[in-house]
PDB file of N, CA and C in Angstrom:
ATOM      1  N   MET A   1       0.728  -1.196  -0.033  1.00  0.00           N
ATOM      2  CA  MET A   1      -0.006   0.061  -0.193  1.00  0.00           C
ATOM      3  C   MET A   1       0.953   1.329  -0.099  1.00  0.00           C
ATOM      4  N   ASN A   2       0.427   2.113  -1.031  1.00  0.00           N
ATOM      5  CA  ASN A   2       1.238   3.432  -1.130  1.00  0.00           C
ATOM      6  C   ASN A   2       0.737   4.499  -0.448  1.00  0.00           C
ATOM      7  N   ALA A   3       1.500   5.270   0.635  1.00  0.00           N
ATOM      8  CA  ALA A   3       0.847   6.345   1.326  1.00  0.00           C
ATOM      9  C   ALA A   3       0.780   7.374   0.381  1.00  0.00           C
ATOM     10  N   VAL A   4      -0.014   8.190   0.499  1.00  0.00           N
ATOM     11  CA  VAL A   4       0.115   9.582  -0.616  1.00  0.00           C
ATOM     12  C   VAL A   4      -0.020  10.782   0.593  1.00  0.00           C
ATOM     13  N   ALA A   5       1.091  11.788   0.238  1.00  0.00           N
ATOM     14  CA  ALA A   5       1.243  12.795   1.128  1.00  0.00           C
ATOM     15  C   ALA A   5       0.322  13.779   0.868  1.00  0.00           C
ATOM     16  N   GLU A   6      -0.182  14.392   1.756  1.00  0.00           N
ATOM     17  CA  GLU A   6      -1.146  15.436   1.829  1.00  0.00           C
ATOM     18  C   GLU A   6      -0.405  16.550   1.858  1.00  0.00           C
ATOM     19  N   THR A   7      -0.689  17.717   0.743  1.00  0.00           N
ATOM     20  CA  THR A   7      -0.316  18.890   1.196  1.00  0.00           C
ATOM     21  C   THR A   7      -1.269  19.866   1.796  1.00  0.00           C
ATOM     22  N   LEU A   8      -1.065  20.300   2.881  1.00  0.00           N
ATOM     23  CA  LEU A   8      -1.590  21.198   3.486  1.00  0.00           C
ATOM     24  C   LEU A   8      -1.377  22.769   3.154  1.00  0.00           C
ATOM     25  N   ASP A   9      -2.153  23.699   3.025  1.00  0.00           N
ATOM     26  CA  ASP A   9      -2.089  25.066   2.870  1.00  0.00           C
ATOM     27  C   ASP A   9      -2.015  25.563   4.309  1.00  0.00           C
ATOM     28  N   ILE A  10      -1.076  25.738   5.061  1.00  0.00           N
ATOM     29  CA  ILE A  10      -0.840  26.306   6.152  1.00  0.00           C
ATOM     30  C   ILE A  10      -0.409  27.801   5.988  1.00  0.00           C
ATOM     31  N   PRO A  11      -1.464  28.525   6.696  1.00  0.00           N
ATOM     32  CA  PRO A  11      -0.623  29.868   6.322  1.00  0.00           C
ATOM     33  C   PRO A  11       0.544  30.523   7.064  1.00  0.00           C
ATOM     34  N   ALA A  12       1.349  31.397   6.487  1.00  0.00           N
ATOM     35  CA  ALA A  12       2.689  31.872   7.144  1.00  0.00           C
ATOM     36  C   ALA A  12       2.080  32.447   8.493  1.00  0.00           C
ATOM     37  N   PRO A  13       3.144  32.538   9.517  1.00  0.00           N
ATOM     38  CA  PRO A  13       2.623  33.052  10.925  1.00  0.00           C
ATOM     39  C   PRO A  13       2.594  34.398  10.751  1.00  0.00           C
ATOM     40  N   LEU A  14       3.354  35.107   9.717  1.00  0.00           N
ATOM     41  CA  LEU A  14       3.340  36.794   9.607  1.00  0.00           C
ATOM     42  C   LEU A  14       3.538  36.659   8.249  1.00  0.00           C
ATOM     43  N   VAL A  15       3.401  38.060   7.791  1.00  0.00           N
ATOM     44  CA  VAL A  15       3.631  38.517   6.425  1.00  0.00           C
ATOM     45  C   VAL A  15       5.059  39.260   6.499  1.00  0.00           C
ATOM     46  N   PHE A  16       6.027  38.983   5.696  1.00  0.00           N
ATOM     47  CA  PHE A  16       7.316  39.548   5.388  1.00  0.00           C
ATOM     48  C   PHE A  16       7.421  40.227   4.428  1.00  0.00           C
ATOM     49  N   THR A  17       6.948  41.426   4.026  1.00  0.00           N
ATOM     50  CA  THR A  17       6.702  41.999   2.749  1.00  0.00           C
ATOM     51  C   THR A  17       8.047  41.981   1.844  1.00  0.00           C
ATOM     52  N   ASP A  18       8.014  42.150   0.572  1.00  0.00           N
ATOM     53  CA  ASP A  18       9.316  42.211  -0.498  1.00  0.00           C
ATOM     54  C   ASP A  18       9.878  43.603   0.167  1.00  0.00           C
ATOM     55  N   SER A  19       9.303  44.634   0.390  1.00  0.00           N
ATOM     56  CA  SER A  19      10.167  45.940   0.730  1.00  0.00           C
ATOM     57  C   SER A  19      10.735  45.720   1.951  1.00  0.00           C
ATOM     58  N   ALA A  20      10.401  45.038   2.908  1.00  0.00           N
ATOM     59  CA  ALA A  20      11.029  44.836   3.935  1.00  0.00           C
ATOM     60  C   ALA A  20      12.239  43.864   3.815  1.00  0.00           C
ATOM     61  N   ALA A  21      11.984  42.801   2.974  1.00  0.00           N
ATOM     62  CA  ALA A  21      13.046  41.814   2.609  1.00  0.00           C
ATOM     63  C   ALA A  21      14.223  42.449   1.844  1.00  0.00           C
ATOM     64  N   ASN A  22      13.714  43.171   0.986  1.00  0.00           N
ATOM     65  CA  ASN A  22      14.846  43.702   0.137  1.00  0.00           C
ATOM     66  C   ASN A  22      15.820  44.802   1.065  1.00  0.00           C
ATOM     67  N   LYS A  23      15.277  45.507   1.956  1.00  0.00           N
ATOM     68  CA  LYS A  23      15.946  46.434   2.899  1.00  0.00           C
ATOM     69  C   LYS A  23      16.652  45.634   3.514  1.00  0.00           C
ATOM     70  N   VAL A  24      16.341  44.526   4.144  1.00  0.00           N
ATOM     71  CA  VAL A  24      17.386  43.719   4.854  1.00  0.00           C
ATOM     72  C   VAL A  24      18.348  43.125   4.273  1.00  0.00           C
ATOM     73  N   ALA A  25      18.093  42.856   2.986  1.00  0.00           N
ATOM     74  CA  ALA A  25      19.245  42.208   2.169  1.00  0.00           C
ATOM     75  C   ALA A  25      20.185  43.293   1.747  1.00  0.00           C
ATOM     76  N   GLU A  26      19.790  44.547   1.767  1.00  0.00           N
ATOM     77  CA  GLU A  26      20.567  45.797   1.467  1.00  0.00           C
ATOM     78  C   GLU A  26      21.322  46.130   2.597  1.00  0.00           C
ATOM     79  N   LEU A  27      20.839  45.995   3.679  1.00  0.00           N
ATOM     80  CA  LEU A  27      21.815  46.376   5.111  1.00  0.00           C
ATOM     81  C   LEU A  27      22.594  45.196   5.208  1.00  0.00           C
ATOM     82  N   VAL A  28      22.098  43.888   5.045  1.00  0.00           N
ATOM     83  CA  VAL A  28      23.118  42.755   5.199  1.00  0.00           C
ATOM     84  C   VAL A  28      24.191  42.805   4.156  1.00  0.00           C
ATOM     85  N   ALA A  29      24.041  43.374   3.165  1.00  0.00           N
ATOM     86  CA  ALA A  29      25.249  43.407   2.281  1.00  0.00           C
ATOM     87  C   ALA A  29      26.007  44.829   2.564  1.00  0.00           C
ATOM     88  N   GLU A  30      25.622  45.742   3.072  1.00  0.00           N
ATOM     89  CA  GLU A  30      26.569  46.608   3.962  1.00  0.00           C
ATOM     90  C   GLU A  30      27.236  46.299   4.785  1.00  0.00           C
ATOM     91  N   GLU A  31      26.876  45.292   5.420  1.00  0.00           N
ATOM     92  CA  GLU A  31      27.493  44.798   6.769  1.00  0.00           C
ATOM     93  C   GLU A  31      28.610  43.788   6.215  1.00  0.00           C
ATOM     94  N   GLY A  32      28.431  43.048   5.143  1.00  0.00           N
ATOM     95  CA  GLY A  32      29.329  42.448   4.601  1.00  0.00           C
ATOM     96  C   GLY A  32      29.413  40.943   5.200  1.00  0.00           C
ATOM     97  N   ASN A  33      28.365  40.433   5.857  1.00  0.00           N
ATOM     98  CA  ASN A  33      28.257  39.167   6.563  1.00  0.00           C
ATOM     99  C   ASN A  33      26.979  38.455   6.116  1.00  0.00           C
ATOM    100  N   PRO A  34      27.065  37.643   5.349  1.00  0.00           N
ATOM    101  CA  PRO A  34      25.789  37.076   4.830  1.00  0.00           C
ATOM    102  C   PRO A  34      25.115  36.127   5.679  1.00  0.00           C
ATOM    103  N   ASP A  35      25.731  35.866   6.831  1.00  0.00           N
ATOM    104  CA  ASP A  35      25.387  35.100   7.868  1.00  0.00           C
ATOM    105  C   ASP A  35      24.165  35.749   8.812  1.00  0.00           C
ATOM    106  N   LEU A  36      24.148  36.995   8.427  1.00  0.00           N
ATOM    107  CA  LEU A  36      23.451  38.086   9.414  1.00  0.00           C
ATOM    108  C   LEU A  36      21.687  37.716   8.868  1.00  0.00           C
ATOM    109  N   LYS A  37      20.871  37.738  10.054  1.00  0.00           N
ATOM    110  CA  LYS A  37      19.694  37.288   9.953  1.00  0.00           C
ATOM    111  C   LYS A  37      18.784  38.435  10.578  1.00  0.00           C
ATOM    112  N   LEU A  38      17.562  38.956  10.163  1.00  0.00           N
ATOM    113  CA  LEU A  38      16.638  39.837  11.106  1.00  0.00           C
ATOM    114  C   LEU A  38      16.113  39.142  11.989  1.00  0.00           C
ATOM    115  N   ARG A  39      16.462  39.545  13.450  1.00  0.00           N
ATOM    116  CA  ARG A  39      15.593  39.088  14.573  1.00  0.00           C
ATOM    117  C   ARG A  39      14.569  40.249  14.737  1.00  0.00           C
ATOM    118  N   VAL A  40      13.269  39.922  14.778  1.00  0.00           N
ATOM    119  CA  VAL A  40      12.109  40.628  15.305  1.00  0.00           C
ATOM    120  C   VAL A  40      11.809  40.031  16.584  1.00  0.00           C
ATOM    121  N   PHE A  41      11.466  41.177  17.627  1.00  0.00           N
ATOM    122  CA  PHE A  41      10.879  40.739  18.891  1.00  0.00           C
ATOM    123  C   PHE A  41      10.213  41.541  19.426  1.00  0.00           C
ATOM    124  N   VAL A  42       9.310  41.046  20.539  1.00  0.00           N
ATOM    125  CA  VAL A  42       8.507  41.836  21.458  1.00  0.00           C
ATOM    126  C   VAL A  42       9.028  42.114  22.710  1.00  0.00           C
ATOM    127  N   GLN A  43       9.013  43.166  23.489  1.00  0.00           N
ATOM    128  CA  GLN A  43       9.651  43.208  24.859  1.00  0.00           C
ATOM    129  C   GLN A  43       8.881  44.075  25.628  1.00  0.00           C
ATOM    130  N   GLY A  44       8.743  43.980  26.874  1.00  0.00           N
ATOM    131  CA  GLY A  44       8.107  44.665  27.806  1.00  0.00           C
ATOM    132  C   GLY A  44       8.642  46.190  27.607  1.00  0.00           C
ATOM    133  N   GLY A  45       7.970  47.083  27.760  1.00  0.00           N
ATOM    134  CA  GLY A  45       8.297  48.516  27.747  1.00  0.00           C
ATOM    135  C   GLY A  45       7.135  49.554  26.688  1.00  0.00           C
ATOM    136  N   GLY A  46       7.910  50.518  26.512  1.00  0.00           N
ATOM    137  CA  GLY A  46       7.222  51.433  25.437  1.00  0.00           C
ATOM    138  C   GLY A  46       5.812  52.118  26.130  1.00  0.00           C
ATOM    139  N   CYS A  47       5.060  52.991  25.627  1.00  0.00           N
ATOM    140  CA  CYS A  47       4.297  53.750  26.155  1.00  0.00           C
ATOM    141  C   CYS A  47       3.046  52.780  26.266  1.00  0.00           C
ATOM    142  N   SER A  48       2.811  51.843  25.411  1.00  0.00           N
ATOM    143  CA  SER A  48       1.948  51.165  25.898  1.00  0.00           C
ATOM    144  C   SER A  48       1.942  49.768  26.123  1.00  0.00           C
ATOM    145  N   GLY A  49       3.105  49.468  26.811  1.00  0.00           N
ATOM    146  CA  GLY A  49       2.930  47.781  27.426  1.00  0.00           C
ATOM    147  C   GLY A  49       3.943  47.176  26.874  1.00  0.00           C
ATOM    148  N   PHE A  50       4.026  47.032  25.556  1.00  0.00           N
ATOM    149  CA  PHE A  50       4.950  46.278  24.920  1.00  0.00           C
ATOM    150  C   PHE A  50       5.681  47.101  23.592  1.00  0.00           C
ATOM    151  N   GLN A  51       6.731  46.511  23.374  1.00  0.00           N
ATOM    152  CA  GLN A  51       7.276  47.397  22.178  1.00  0.00           C
ATOM    153  C   GLN A  51       8.303  46.458  21.107  1.00  0.00           C
ATOM    154  N   TYR A  52       8.354  46.955  19.897  1.00  0.00           N
ATOM    155  CA  TYR A  52       8.875  45.848  18.893  1.00  0.00           C
ATOM    156  C   TYR A  52      10.533  46.172  18.920  1.00  0.00           C
ATOM    157  N   GLY A  53      11.097  45.159  18.624  1.00  0.00           N
ATOM    158  CA  GLY A  53      12.592  45.396  18.437  1.00  0.00           C
ATOM    159  C   GLY A  53      13.064  44.844  17.534  1.00  0.00           C
ATOM    160  N   PHE A  54      14.158  45.257  16.824  1.00  0.00           N
ATOM    161  CA  PHE A  54      14.815  44.702  15.659  1.00  0.00           C
ATOM    162  C   PHE A  54      16.135  44.646  15.784  1.00  0.00           C
ATOM    163  N   THR A  55      16.881  43.641  15.352  1.00  0.00           N
ATOM    164  CA  THR A  55      18.363  43.181  15.491  1.00  0.00           C
ATOM    165  C   THR A  55      18.939  42.280  14.526  1.00  0.00           C
ATOM    166  N   PHE A  56      20.189  42.538  14.261  1.00  0.00           N
ATOM    167  CA  PHE A  56      20.661  41.113  13.308  1.00  0.00           C
ATOM    168  C   PHE A  56      21.251  40.313  14.305  1.00  0.00           C
ATOM    169  N   ASP A  57      21.011  39.021  14.084  1.00  0.00           N
ATOM    170  CA  ASP A  57      21.842  37.987  14.850  1.00  0.00           C
ATOM    171  C   ASP A  57      22.482  36.811  13.704  1.00  0.00           C
ATOM    172  N   GLU A  58      23.295  36.270  14.085  1.00  0.00           N
ATOM    173  CA  GLU A  58      24.098  35.378  13.175  1.00  0.00           C
ATOM    174  C   GLU A  58      23.411  33.772  13.398  1.00  0.00           C
ATOM    175  N   VAL A  59      22.935  33.600  14.622  1.00  0.00           N
ATOM    176  CA  VAL A  59      22.326  32.587  15.032  1.00  0.00           C
ATOM    177  C   VAL A  59      21.188  32.007  15.425  1.00  0.00           C
ATOM    178  N   ALA A  60      20.454  31.180  15.039  1.00  0.00           N
ATOM    179  CA  ALA A  60      18.904  30.977  14.996  1.00  0.00           C
ATOM    180  C   ALA A  60      18.929  29.958  16.214  1.00  0.00           C
ATOM    181  N   ASN A  61      18.097  30.196  17.230  1.00  0.00           N
ATOM    182  CA  ASN A  61      18.009  29.400  18.444  1.00  0.00           C
ATOM    183  C   ASN A  61      16.951  28.199  17.930  1.00  0.00           C
ATOM    184  N   ASP A  62      16.885  27.310  19.038  1.00  0.00           N
ATOM    185  CA  ASP A  62      15.717  26.111  18.704  1.00  0.00           C
ATOM    186  C   ASP A  62      14.674  26.588  18.668  1.00  0.00           C
ATOM    187  N   ASP A  63      13.977  27.501  19.533  1.00  0.00           N
ATOM    188  CA  ASP A  63      12.752  28.051  19.404  1.00  0.00           C
ATOM    189  C   ASP A  63      12.295  28.978  18.359  1.00  0.00           C
ATOM    190  N   ASP A  64      13.218  29.368  17.774  1.00  0.00           N
ATOM    191  CA  ASP A  64      12.861  30.306  16.728  1.00  0.00           C
ATOM    192  C   ASP A  64      12.211  29.853  15.499  1.00  0.00           C
ATOM    193  N   THR A  65      11.294  30.696  15.142  1.00  0.00           N
ATOM    194  CA  THR A  65      10.383  30.644  13.768  1.00  0.00           C
ATOM    195  C   THR A  65      11.154  31.264  13.004  1.00  0.00           C
ATOM    196  N   GLN A  66      11.324  30.744  11.618  1.00  0.00           N
ATOM    197  CA  GLN A  66      12.204  31.229  10.411  1.00  0.00           C
ATOM    198  C   GLN A  66      11.509  31.469   9.331  1.00  0.00           C
ATOM    199  N   MET A  67      11.711  32.357   8.786  1.00  0.00           N
ATOM    200  CA  MET A  67      11.013  32.705   7.233  1.00  0.00           C
ATOM    201  C   MET A  67      12.087  33.346   6.540  1.00  0.00           C
ATOM    202  N   SER A  68      12.150  32.518   5.456  1.00  0.00           N
ATOM    203  CA  SER A  68      13.159  33.446   4.210  1.00  0.00           C
ATOM    204  C   SER A  68      11.964  33.996   3.235  1.00  0.00           C
ATOM    205  N   LYS A  69      13.079  35.105   2.657  1.00  0.00           N
ATOM    206  CA  LYS A  69      12.275  35.569   1.291  1.00  0.00           C
ATOM    207  C   LYS A  69      13.399  36.369   0.987  1.00  0.00           C
ATOM    208  N   ASN A  70      13.465  36.432  -0.563  1.00  0.00           N
ATOM    209  CA  ASN A  70      14.474  37.309  -1.099  1.00  0.00           C
ATOM    210  C   ASN A  70      15.943  36.914  -0.867  1.00  0.00           C
ATOM    211  N   GLY A  71      16.197  35.934  -0.306  1.00  0.00           N
ATOM    212  CA  GLY A  71      17.705  35.511   0.232  1.00  0.00           C
ATOM    213  C   GLY A  71      17.936  36.080   1.439  1.00  0.00           C
ATOM    214  N   VAL A  72      16.934  36.501   2.192  1.00  0.00           N
ATOM    215  CA  VAL A  72      17.048  36.744   3.725  1.00  0.00           C
ATOM    216  C   VAL A  72      16.196  36.020   4.833  1.00  0.00           C
ATOM    217  N   THR A  73      16.696  35.832   5.746  1.00  0.00           N
ATOM    218  CA  THR A  73      15.966  35.348   6.768  1.00  0.00           C
ATOM    219  C   THR A  73      15.313  36.220   8.068  1.00  0.00           C
ATOM    220  N   LEU A  74      14.176  35.928   8.383  1.00  0.00           N
ATOM    221  CA  LEU A  74      13.808  36.694   9.785  1.00  0.00           C
ATOM    222  C   LEU A  74      13.574  35.413  10.722  1.00  0.00           C
ATOM    223  N   LEU A  75      14.065  35.940  11.892  1.00  0.00           N
ATOM    224  CA  LEU A  75      14.007  35.048  12.924  1.00  0.00           C
ATOM    225  C   LEU A  75      12.824  35.999  14.039  1.00  0.00           C
ATOM    226  N   ILE A  76      12.061  34.986  14.651  1.00  0.00           N
ATOM    227  CA  ILE A  76      11.148  35.387  15.736  1.00  0.00           C
ATOM    228  C   ILE A  76      11.150  34.201  16.948  1.00  0.00           C
ATOM    229  N   ASP A  77      11.342  34.737  17.996  1.00  0.00           N
ATOM    230  CA  ASP A  77      11.573  33.719  19.188  1.00  0.00           C
ATOM    231  C   ASP A  77      10.017  33.284  19.457  1.00  0.00           C
ATOM    232  N   ALA A  78       9.890  32.100  20.337  1.00  0.00           N
ATOM    233  CA  ALA A  78       8.509  31.774  20.610  1.00  0.00           C
ATOM    234  C   ALA A  78       7.508  32.638  21.336  1.00  0.00           C
ATOM    235  N   MET A  79       8.201  33.424  22.460  1.00  0.00           N
ATOM    236  CA  MET A  79       7.522  34.102  23.230  1.00  0.00           C
ATOM    237  C   MET A  79       6.871  35.613  22.522  1.00  0.00           C
ATOM    238  N   SER A  80       7.827  35.968  21.294  1.00  0.00           N
ATOM    239  CA  SER A  80       7.229  37.123  20.526  1.00  0.00           C
ATOM    240  C   SER A  80       6.205  36.677  19.329  1.00  0.00           C
ATOM    241  N   LEU A  81       6.439  35.311  19.079  1.00  0.00           N
ATOM    242  CA  LEU A  81       5.615  34.825  18.036  1.00  0.00           C
ATOM    243  C   LEU A  81       4.178  34.881  18.320  1.00  0.00           C
ATOM    244  N   GLN A  82       3.756  35.100  19.668  1.00  0.00           N
ATOM    245  CA  GLN A  82       2.592  34.629  19.913  1.00  0.00           C
ATOM    246  C   GLN A  82       1.663  36.181  19.900  1.00  0.00           C
ATOM    247  N   TYR A  83       2.772  36.990  19.946  1.00  0.00           N
ATOM    248  CA  TYR A  83       2.060  38.712  19.987  1.00  0.00           C
ATOM    249  C   TYR A  83       2.079  39.085  18.278  1.00  0.00           C
ATOM    250  N   LEU A  84       2.954  38.177  17.667  1.00  0.00           N
ATOM    251  CA  LEU A  84       3.210  38.677  16.227  1.00  0.00           C
ATOM    252  C   LEU A  84       2.300  37.889  15.215  1.00  0.00           C
ATOM    253  N   MET A  85       1.753  36.778  15.906  1.00  0.00           N
ATOM    254  CA  MET A  85       1.087  36.021  14.802  1.00  0.00           C
ATOM    255  C   MET A  85       0.074  36.697  13.903  1.00  0.00           C
ATOM    256  N   GLY A  86       0.301  36.709  12.583  1.00  0.00           N
ATOM    257  CA  GLY A  86      -0.817  37.237  11.781  1.00  0.00           C
ATOM    258  C   GLY A  86      -0.396  38.913  11.510  1.00  0.00           C
ATOM    259  N   ALA A  87       0.847  39.266  12.119  1.00  0.00           N
ATOM    260  CA  ALA A  87       1.369  40.735  11.674  1.00  0.00           C
ATOM    261  C   ALA A  87       2.123  40.862  10.246  1.00  0.00           C
ATOM    262  N   GLU A  88       1.977  41.976   9.844  1.00  0.00           N
ATOM    263  CA  GLU A  88       2.764  42.427   8.671  1.00  0.00           C
ATOM    264  C   GLU A  88       4.127  43.093   9.050  1.00  0.00           C
ATOM    265  N   ILE A  89       5.311  42.571   8.414  1.00  0.00           N
ATOM    266  CA  ILE A  89       6.343  43.343   8.614  1.00  0.00           C
ATOM    267  C   ILE A  89       6.863  44.118   7.392  1.00  0.00           C
ATOM    268  N   ASP A  90       6.866  45.454   7.358  1.00  0.00           N
ATOM    269  CA  ASP A  90       6.675  46.030   6.056  1.00  0.00           C
ATOM    270  C   ASP A  90       8.018  47.041   6.150  1.00  0.00           C
ATOM    271  N   TYR A  91       8.558  47.545   5.024  1.00  0.00           N
ATOM    272  CA  TYR A  91       9.426  48.759   5.228  1.00  0.00           C
ATOM    273  C   TYR A  91       8.943  50.091   4.520  1.00  0.00           C
ATOM    274  N   LYS A  92       8.929  51.018   5.303  1.00  0.00           N
ATOM    275  CA  LYS A  92       8.350  52.235   4.447  1.00  0.00           C
ATOM    276  C   LYS A  92       9.374  53.468   4.459  1.00  0.00           C
ATOM    277  N   ASP A  93       9.412  53.970   3.203  1.00  0.00           N
ATOM    278  CA  ASP A  93      10.201  55.280   3.254  1.00  0.00           C
ATOM    279  C   ASP A  93       9.318  56.319   2.262  1.00  0.00           C
ATOM    280  N   ASP A  94       8.810  57.152   3.473  1.00  0.00           N
ATOM    281  CA  ASP A  94       7.865  58.034   3.166  1.00  0.00           C
ATOM    282  C   ASP A  94       8.405  59.493   3.937  1.00  0.00           C
ATOM    283  N   LEU A  95       7.534  60.329   3.426  1.00  0.00           N
ATOM    284  CA  LEU A  95       7.608  61.853   4.167  1.00  0.00           C
ATOM    285  C   LEU A  95       7.872  61.561   5.961  1.00  0.00           C
ATOM    286  N   SER A  96       7.310  60.760   6.505  1.00  0.00           N
ATOM    287  CA  SER A  96       7.563  60.582   7.788  1.00  0.00           C
ATOM    288  C   SER A  96       8.835  60.044   8.355  1.00  0.00           C
ATOM    289  N   GLY A  97       9.490  59.456   7.008  1.00  0.00           N
ATOM    290  CA  GLY A  97      10.898  58.748   7.499  1.00  0.00           C
ATOM    291  C   GLY A  97      11.194  57.470   7.018  1.00  0.00           C
ATOM    292  N   ALA A  98      12.190  56.931   6.948  1.00  0.00           N
ATOM    293  CA  ALA A  98      12.326  55.474   6.480  1.00  0.00           C
ATOM    294  C   ALA A  98      12.327  54.316   8.004  1.00  0.00           C
ATOM    295  N   GLN A  99      11.707  53.674   8.140  1.00  0.00           N
ATOM    296  CA  GLN A  99      11.609  52.673   9.036  1.00  0.00           C
ATOM    297  C   GLN A  99      10.843  51.380   8.589  1.00  0.00           C
ATOM    298  N   PHE A 100      11.300  50.120   9.557  1.00  0.00           N
ATOM    299  CA  PHE A 100      10.348  48.905   9.373  1.00  0.00           C
ATOM    300  C   PHE A 100       9.122  49.406  10.159  1.00  0.00           C
ATOM    301  N   VAL A 101       8.176  48.738   9.329  1.00  0.00           N
ATOM    302  CA  VAL A 101       6.746  49.022  10.449  1.00  0.00           C
ATOM    303  C   VAL A 101       6.105  47.767  10.621  1.00  0.00           C
ATOM    304  N   ILE A 102       5.418  47.492  11.506  1.00  0.00           N
ATOM    305  CA  ILE A 102       4.784  46.157  12.037  1.00  0.00           C
ATOM    306  C   ILE A 102       3.256  46.592  12.043  1.00  0.00           C
ATOM    307  N   LYS A 103       2.377  45.878  11.207  1.00  0.00           N
ATOM    308  CA  LYS A 103       1.093  46.090  11.345  1.00  0.00           C
ATOM    309  C   LYS A 103       0.503  44.930  12.194  1.00  0.00           C
ATOM    310  N   ASN A 104       0.185  44.872  13.299  1.00  0.00           N
ATOM    311  CA  ASN A 104      -0.341  43.721  13.992  1.00  0.00           C
ATOM    312  C   ASN A 104      -1.773  43.862  14.588  1.00  0.00           C
ATOM    313  N   PRO A 105      -2.451  42.536  14.054  1.00  0.00           N
ATOM    314  CA  PRO A 105      -3.960  42.636  14.113  1.00  0.00           C
ATOM    315  C   PRO A 105      -4.024  42.216  15.772  1.00  0.00           C
ATOM    316  N   ASN A 106      -3.323  41.850  16.328  1.00  0.00           N
ATOM    317  CA  ASN A 106      -3.307  41.441  17.754  1.00  0.00           C
ATOM    318  C   ASN A 106      -3.156  42.655  18.722  1.00  0.00           C
ATOM    319  N   ALA A 107      -2.612  43.900  18.380  1.00  0.00           N
ATOM    320  CA  ALA A 107      -2.589  44.932  19.184  1.00  0.00           C
ATOM    321  C   ALA A 107      -3.769  45.704  19.627  1.00  0.00           C
ATOM    322  N   THR A 108      -4.493  45.895  20.524  1.00  0.00           N
ATOM    323  CA  THR A 108      -5.712  46.354  21.036  1.00  0.00           C
ATOM    324  C   THR A 108      -5.386  47.912  20.866  1.00  0.00           C
ATOM    325  N   THR A 109      -4.242  48.517  21.497  1.00  0.00           N
ATOM    326  CA  THR A 109      -3.907  49.803  21.349  1.00  0.00           C
ATOM    327  C   THR A 109      -2.333  50.145  20.799  1.00  0.00           C
ATOM    328  N   THR A 110      -2.060  50.990  20.216  1.00  0.00           N
ATOM    329  CA  THR A 110      -0.851  51.358  19.757  1.00  0.00           C
ATOM    330  C   THR A 110      -0.551  52.829  20.056  1.00  0.00           C
ATOM    331  N   CYS A 111       0.686  53.225  20.068  1.00  0.00           N
ATOM    332  CA  CYS A 111       1.154  54.435  20.586  1.00  0.00           C
ATOM    333  C   CYS A 111       1.282  55.170  19.255  1.00  0.00           C
ATOM    334  N   GLY A 112       1.502  56.377  19.273  1.00  0.00           N
ATOM    335  CA  GLY A 112       1.389  57.370  18.121  1.00  0.00           C
ATOM    336  C   GLY A 112       2.706  57.127  17.376  1.00  0.00           C
ATOM    337  N   CYS A 113       3.809  56.743  17.875  1.00  0.00           N
ATOM    338  CA  CYS A 113       4.967  56.493  17.070  1.00  0.00           C
ATOM    339  C   CYS A 113       4.995  55.012  16.418  1.00  0.00           C
ATOM    340  N   GLY A 114       4.106  54.213  16.785  1.00  0.00           N
ATOM    341  CA  GLY A 114       3.665  52.775  16.297  1.00  0.00           C
ATOM    342  C   GLY A 114       4.719  51.753  16.664  1.00  0.00           C
ATOM    343  N   SER A 115       5.635  52.087  17.629  1.00  0.00           N
ATOM    344  CA  SER A 115       6.569  51.182  18.157  1.00  0.00           C
ATOM    345  C   SER A 115       6.427  50.616  19.141  1.00  0.00           C
ATOM    346  N   SER A 116       5.212  50.916  19.970  1.00  0.00           N
ATOM    347  CA  SER A 116       4.491  49.885  20.777  1.00  0.00           C
ATOM    348  C   SER A 116       3.179  49.800  21.009  1.00  0.00           C
ATOM    349  N   PHE A 117       2.750  49.023  21.749  1.00  0.00           N
ATOM    350  CA  PHE A 117       1.357  48.558  21.689  1.00  0.00           C
ATOM    351  C   PHE A 117       0.806  47.800  22.836  1.00  0.00           C
ATOM    352  N   SER A 118      -0.437  47.399  22.929  1.00  0.00           N
ATOM    353  CA  SER A 118      -0.726  46.627  24.158  1.00  0.00           C
ATOM    354  C   SER A 118      -1.765  45.598  23.347  1.00  0.00           C
ATOM    355  N   ALA A 119      -1.787  44.238  24.096  1.00  0.00           N
ATOM    356  CA  ALA A 119      -2.479  43.051  23.452  1.00  0.00           C
ATOM    357  C   ALA A 119      -3.465  42.885  24.465  1.00  0.00           C
TER     358      ALA A 119
END
């Protein structure tokens, strides 16, 4: 008896836009270290209770969720993933400045700067 593998359409835990991936690729190239990955995390603080953070990391931890796009890898630790599930990570360069932006459907309130939230 042959087993037939079923393909399940599982949605990605979050959206990593082309704009964000391309900017990360540009920053990694500037650093000259192709092992760098963008780590996105949530930590306590900010004016609304939690704040987003971004850093480069060479090492993926065992509990990290990894997403790859356009040759770059995004890392999210297990604790942060619960707050970022379904969010969109984008990069905007407009009149208000150039920055990574997170659109988070889990945030019940956000601050004016967009870098902190409450869940």
